[in-house]
Amino acid sequence: MSAEQPSVLVSRDAGVVTVTLNRPHKKNAIDGVTWGLLQQTFDEVERSRDDRVLVITGAGGDFCSGADLTSLSDDDHGLRRMRRIGDVALTLHRLTKPTIARIDGVAAGAGMNLALGCDLIVASDRSRFAEIFAKRGLSVDFGGSWLLPRLIGLHRAKELCLLADIISAQQAADMGLVNRVVPVDQLDEVVGDWASRLASGPPIALMSTKRLLNNAFEVTMEQALDDEARTQTANFGTEDTVEAFAAFAAKREPTFTGKPITAR
């Protein structure tokens, strides 16, 4: 890869930020520089009012084959390195904007868990998934130990991690790991449609819904209802709720801004 081509490419279009892992010669395996660029990009998306949706994908026909273990230096081992990687996973999880993983080809190890850390996953029918860690003498990381049991249950999670088998996109969908499997020539169309719909949605309401769902396994029903009441009250204090009712009455599409109602 030439020096002019960074390992992470970022493009923006109408509120949709597309982050492309750009190491196709390594099946987009993530080295130390790339982890840092992902951390930087996720932070930028969180801070930007113009960025409404994040799409993560890979260049060259693969999503991500995991961490690039061949790139480790003598001082890049141990707990410090793993905590830096963990920070990237946590930043993605905490991102208040909706996230979509666009999967083609291989998604393995930390690459699979990078996809699972997104809110929605669209995979091509030629995609392959693997919690490959055990075959490398490693235990699961990048949040997989937390994500998998919540997504597919404890025993299924153990099956994937302990056996480290490669599964097809359809098998992943049957387990509940993938939202949609589509022919590869329809992948961009479906991801683009979902991303544009999310980008045009009410940002405060979507952020609140994402937070409520992410917290669902950590709170009681009583706490969930209380959280719902507070967030719904906040929604009624935005111009988006007013706009939604006005658009419904006028039989037109609403234009959401996420702005609070200001005194007139």
Protein backbone atom coordinates (compact mmCIF):
# COMPACT_ATOMS: atom_id res chain seq x y z
CA MET A 1 0.00 0.00 0.00
CA SER A 2 1.39 3.39 -0.91
CA ALA A 3 2.20 6.03 1.65
CA GLU A 4 -0.62 8.14 0.23
CA GLN A 5 -3.20 5.51 1.18
CA PRO A 6 -3.99 5.51 4.93
CA SER A 7 -5.17 2.31 6.57
CA VAL A 8 -8.54 3.92 7.37
CA LEU A 9 -10.49 5.87 4.76
CA VAL A 10 -13.27 8.22 5.87
CA SER A 11 -15.92 9.72 3.60
CA ARG A 12 -18.97 11.80 4.41
CA ASP A 13 -22.20 12.24 2.45
CA ALA A 14 -25.49 13.71 3.71
CA GLY A 15 -24.89 12.81 7.34
CA VAL A 16 -23.53 9.32 6.62
CA VAL A 17 -19.91 8.68 7.61
CA THR A 18 -18.36 5.66 5.88
CA VAL A 19 -15.24 4.25 7.53
CA THR A 20 -13.34 1.82 5.32
CA LEU A 21 -10.58 -0.40 6.67
CA ASN A 22 -7.98 -0.09 3.94
CA ARG A 23 -5.40 -2.87 4.25
CA PRO A 24 -6.72 -5.26 1.58
CA HIS A 25 -3.34 -6.99 1.22
CA LYS A 26 -3.87 -8.17 4.83
CA LYS A 27 -7.62 -8.76 4.50
CA ASN A 28 -7.91 -5.50 6.46
CA ALA A 29 -6.25 -6.89 9.58
CA ILE A 30 -5.92 -4.07 12.09
CA ASP A 31 -2.45 -2.98 13.21
CA GLY A 32 -1.54 -0.46 15.88
CA VAL A 33 -1.81 2.56 13.60
CA THR A 34 -5.23 1.45 12.41
CA TRP A 35 -6.53 1.02 15.96
CA GLY A 36 -5.48 4.59 16.64
CA LEU A 37 -7.17 5.88 13.49
CA LEU A 38 -10.40 4.08 14.38
CA GLN A 39 -10.33 5.59 17.87
CA GLN A 40 -9.76 9.06 16.42
CA THR A 41 -12.53 8.66 13.84
CA PHE A 42 -15.11 7.35 16.31
CA ASP A 43 -14.35 10.30 18.61
CA GLU A 44 -14.78 12.75 15.72
CA VAL A 45 -18.12 11.23 14.69
CA GLU A 46 -19.41 11.46 18.24
CA ARG A 47 -18.51 15.15 18.49
CA SER A 48 -19.89 16.22 15.11
CA ARG A 49 -23.47 17.46 14.88
CA ASP A 50 -23.41 16.87 11.13
CA ASP A 51 -22.49 13.18 11.39
CA ARG A 52 -25.72 11.23 11.85
CA VAL A 53 -24.81 7.61 10.96
CA LEU A 54 -21.60 5.58 10.94
CA VAL A 55 -21.03 2.76 8.41
CA ILE A 56 -17.99 0.49 8.85
CA THR A 57 -16.73 -1.63 5.97
CA GLY A 58 -13.57 -3.03 4.42
CA ALA A 59 -11.70 -2.58 1.17
CA GLY A 60 -10.90 -5.26 -1.39
CA GLY A 61 -13.76 -7.66 -0.81
CA ASP A 62 -13.20 -8.42 2.88
CA PHE A 63 -14.42 -6.79 6.08
CA CYS A 64 -11.66 -7.53 8.58
CA SER A 65 -9.61 -10.63 9.42
CA GLY A 66 -8.94 -9.42 12.97
CA ALA A 67 -5.91 -7.90 14.63
CA ASP A 68 -2.65 -7.98 12.70
CA LEU A 69 -0.50 -10.04 15.05
CA THR A 70 2.46 -9.91 12.65
CA SER A 71 2.80 -6.17 13.21
CA LEU A 72 3.48 -6.37 16.95
CA SER A 73 6.70 -4.85 18.19
CA ASP A 74 8.58 -5.89 21.32
CA ASP A 75 6.99 -3.05 23.29
CA ASP A 76 3.49 -3.58 21.89
CA HIS A 77 2.48 -6.64 23.89
CA GLY A 78 0.64 -7.05 27.14
CA LEU A 79 -2.06 -5.30 29.08
CA ARG A 80 -1.32 -1.78 27.83
CA ARG A 81 -1.89 -2.79 24.20
CA MET A 82 -5.06 -4.71 25.01
CA ARG A 83 -6.47 -1.77 26.94
CA ARG A 84 -5.91 0.49 23.92
CA ILE A 85 -7.83 -1.98 21.78
CA GLY A 86 -10.52 -2.22 24.46
CA ASP A 87 -10.88 1.56 24.41
CA VAL A 88 -11.75 1.40 20.70
CA ALA A 89 -14.42 -1.23 21.38
CA LEU A 90 -15.86 0.83 24.21
CA THR A 91 -15.90 4.03 22.15
CA LEU A 92 -17.83 2.24 19.40
CA HIS A 93 -20.28 0.84 21.95
CA ARG A 94 -20.82 4.26 23.53
CA LEU A 95 -21.30 6.05 20.22
CA THR A 96 -24.67 7.77 20.36
CA LYS A 97 -25.14 7.72 16.57
CA PRO A 98 -26.58 4.63 14.83
CA THR A 99 -23.91 2.32 13.38
CA ILE A 100 -24.03 -0.20 10.54
CA ALA A 101 -21.50 -2.89 9.67
CA ARG A 102 -21.34 -3.58 5.94
CA ILE A 103 -19.84 -7.06 5.66
CA ASP A 104 -18.34 -8.71 2.62
CA GLY A 105 -15.85 -11.55 2.68
CA VAL A 106 -14.21 -12.47 5.96
CA ALA A 107 -15.07 -11.06 9.41
CA ALA A 108 -12.92 -12.90 11.92
CA GLY A 109 -11.69 -12.45 15.46
CA ALA A 110 -11.62 -8.80 16.47
CA GLY A 111 -13.02 -8.07 12.99
CA MET A 112 -16.12 -10.13 13.73
CA ASN A 113 -16.54 -8.40 17.07
CA LEU A 114 -16.03 -5.00 15.46
CA ALA A 115 -19.07 -5.86 13.33
CA LEU A 116 -21.05 -7.16 16.31
CA GLY A 117 -20.35 -3.89 18.12
CA CYS A 118 -22.42 -2.06 15.51
CA ASP A 119 -26.17 -1.59 15.87
CA LEU A 120 -27.05 -3.22 12.55
CA ILE A 121 -25.23 -5.73 10.34
CA VAL A 122 -25.82 -6.27 6.62
CA ALA A 123 -23.79 -9.10 5.11
CA SER A 124 -23.29 -10.33 1.58
CA ASP A 125 -24.16 -13.95 0.89
CA ARG A 126 -20.47 -14.75 0.45
CA SER A 127 -19.47 -13.43 3.89
CA ARG A 128 -17.83 -15.68 6.46
CA PHE A 129 -17.63 -15.21 10.22
CA ALA A 130 -15.33 -16.75 12.83
CA GLU A 131 -14.42 -16.22 16.47
CA ILE A 132 -11.03 -17.51 15.40
CA PHE A 133 -9.16 -16.78 18.64
CA ALA A 134 -8.86 -20.34 20.00
CA LYS A 135 -7.19 -21.51 16.79
CA ARG A 136 -4.54 -18.87 17.43
CA GLY A 137 -4.02 -19.86 21.06
CA LEU A 138 -5.94 -16.80 22.23
CA SER A 139 -9.10 -16.01 24.17
CA VAL A 140 -11.90 -13.86 22.81
CA ASP A 141 -11.45 -10.07 22.85
CA PHE A 142 -12.77 -6.76 21.45
CA GLY A 143 -15.92 -7.14 23.53
CA GLY A 144 -16.92 -10.54 22.17
CA SER A 145 -17.28 -12.08 25.62
CA TRP A 146 -19.89 -9.41 26.48
CA LEU A 147 -21.62 -9.09 23.12
CA LEU A 148 -22.09 -12.71 22.08
CA PRO A 149 -24.06 -14.04 25.09
CA ARG A 150 -26.41 -11.07 24.83
CA LEU A 151 -26.92 -11.54 21.10
CA ILE A 152 -27.27 -15.32 20.83
CA GLY A 153 -27.25 -16.79 24.34
CA LEU A 154 -24.50 -18.35 26.42
CA HIS A 155 -24.33 -21.82 24.87
CA ARG A 156 -24.26 -20.55 21.29
CA ALA A 157 -21.57 -18.05 22.30
CA LYS A 158 -19.48 -20.86 23.79
CA GLU A 159 -19.92 -22.93 20.65
CA LEU A 160 -18.56 -20.13 18.46
CA CYS A 161 -15.67 -19.22 20.75
CA LEU A 162 -14.53 -22.62 21.96
CA LEU A 163 -14.74 -24.43 18.61
CA ALA A 164 -13.72 -21.36 16.56
CA ASP A 165 -15.52 -22.66 13.48
CA ILE A 166 -16.03 -20.56 10.35
CA ILE A 167 -19.73 -19.99 9.71
CA SER A 168 -21.54 -18.67 6.66
CA ALA A 169 -23.52 -15.46 6.47
CA GLN A 170 -26.75 -17.46 6.50
CA GLN A 171 -25.67 -19.41 9.58
CA ALA A 172 -24.84 -16.10 11.26
CA ALA A 173 -28.27 -14.77 10.36
CA ASP A 174 -29.98 -17.93 11.64
CA MET A 175 -28.18 -17.44 14.97
CA GLY A 176 -29.29 -13.83 15.20
CA LEU A 177 -25.86 -12.32 14.60
CA VAL A 178 -26.76 -10.63 11.30
CA ASN A 179 -29.78 -8.49 10.46
CA ARG A 180 -29.84 -9.11 6.72
CA VAL A 181 -28.05 -11.31 4.19
CA VAL A 182 -28.20 -10.06 0.60
CA PRO A 183 -26.56 -10.90 -2.73
CA VAL A 184 -23.24 -9.11 -2.99
CA ASP A 185 -24.49 -6.94 -5.85
CA GLN A 186 -27.27 -5.62 -3.59
CA LEU A 187 -25.06 -4.92 -0.57
CA ASP A 188 -24.40 -1.24 -1.28
CA GLU A 189 -28.05 -0.60 -2.12
CA VAL A 190 -29.37 -2.08 1.13
CA VAL A 191 -26.71 -0.48 3.32
CA GLY A 192 -27.19 2.85 1.57
CA ASP A 193 -30.95 2.71 2.05
CA TRP A 194 -30.67 1.92 5.76
CA ALA A 195 -28.00 4.56 6.30
CA SER A 196 -29.99 7.30 4.54
CA ARG A 197 -33.14 6.42 6.48
CA LEU A 198 -31.24 6.62 9.76
CA ALA A 199 -29.50 9.86 8.74
CA SER A 200 -32.88 11.48 8.05
CA GLY A 201 -34.39 10.22 11.31
CA PRO A 202 -34.83 12.17 14.55
CA PRO A 203 -31.32 12.19 16.07
CA ILE A 204 -32.33 12.70 19.70
CA ALA A 205 -35.01 10.02 19.59
CA LEU A 206 -32.70 7.53 17.84
CA MET A 207 -29.92 8.23 20.33
CA SER A 208 -32.32 7.71 23.23
CA THR A 209 -33.72 4.49 21.80
CA LYS A 210 -30.23 3.12 21.23
CA ARG A 211 -29.24 3.90 24.81
CA LEU A 212 -32.42 2.34 26.23
CA LEU A 213 -31.89 -0.87 24.28
CA ASN A 214 -28.19 -1.07 25.15
CA ASN A 215 -29.07 -0.74 28.83
CA ALA A 216 -31.88 -3.32 28.69
CA PHE A 217 -29.88 -6.18 30.22
CA GLU A 218 -28.53 -4.01 33.03
CA VAL A 219 -31.74 -2.53 34.49
CA THR A 220 -35.00 -3.68 36.03
CA MET A 221 -38.36 -3.20 34.32
CA GLU A 222 -39.11 -0.39 36.76
CA GLN A 223 -35.84 1.37 35.88
CA ALA A 224 -36.47 0.90 32.16
CA LEU A 225 -39.91 2.48 32.43
CA ASP A 226 -38.48 5.38 34.40
CA ASP A 227 -35.74 5.86 31.79
CA GLU A 228 -38.36 5.72 29.02
CA ALA A 229 -40.44 8.39 30.77
CA ARG A 230 -37.48 10.75 31.10
CA THR A 231 -36.30 10.32 27.52
CA GLN A 232 -39.80 10.66 26.11
CA THR A 233 -40.24 13.88 28.05
CA ALA A 234 -37.00 15.12 26.51
CA ASN A 235 -38.28 14.17 23.03
CA PHE A 236 -41.38 16.31 23.50
CA GLY A 237 -39.03 19.22 24.20
CA THR A 238 -37.51 19.01 20.70
CA GLU A 239 -38.65 20.51 17.43
CA ASP A 240 -38.58 17.02 15.93
CA THR A 241 -41.77 15.92 17.68
CA VAL A 242 -43.56 19.07 16.52
CA GLU A 243 -42.24 18.51 13.00
CA ALA A 244 -43.34 14.86 13.00
CA PHE A 245 -46.94 15.74 13.84
CA ALA A 246 -46.96 18.62 11.32
CA ALA A 247 -45.57 16.37 8.58
CA PHE A 248 -48.13 13.68 9.35
CA ALA A 249 -50.99 16.18 9.11
CA ALA A 250 -49.61 17.59 5.85
CA LYS A 251 -48.91 14.11 4.43
CA ARG A 252 -45.26 14.88 3.76
CA GLU A 253 -41.93 13.53 4.92
CA PRO A 254 -40.60 15.20 8.10
CA THR A 255 -37.30 17.04 8.31
CA PHE A 256 -35.62 16.29 11.63
CA THR A 257 -32.90 18.49 13.12
CA GLY A 258 -32.52 17.40 16.73
CA LYS A 259 -32.96 20.99 17.92
CA PRO A 260 -34.71 21.84 21.18
CA ILE A 261 -37.85 23.93 21.16
CA THR A 262 -36.86 27.53 21.73
CA ALA A 263 -39.04 30.16 23.34
CA ARG A 264 -40.80 32.41 20.84
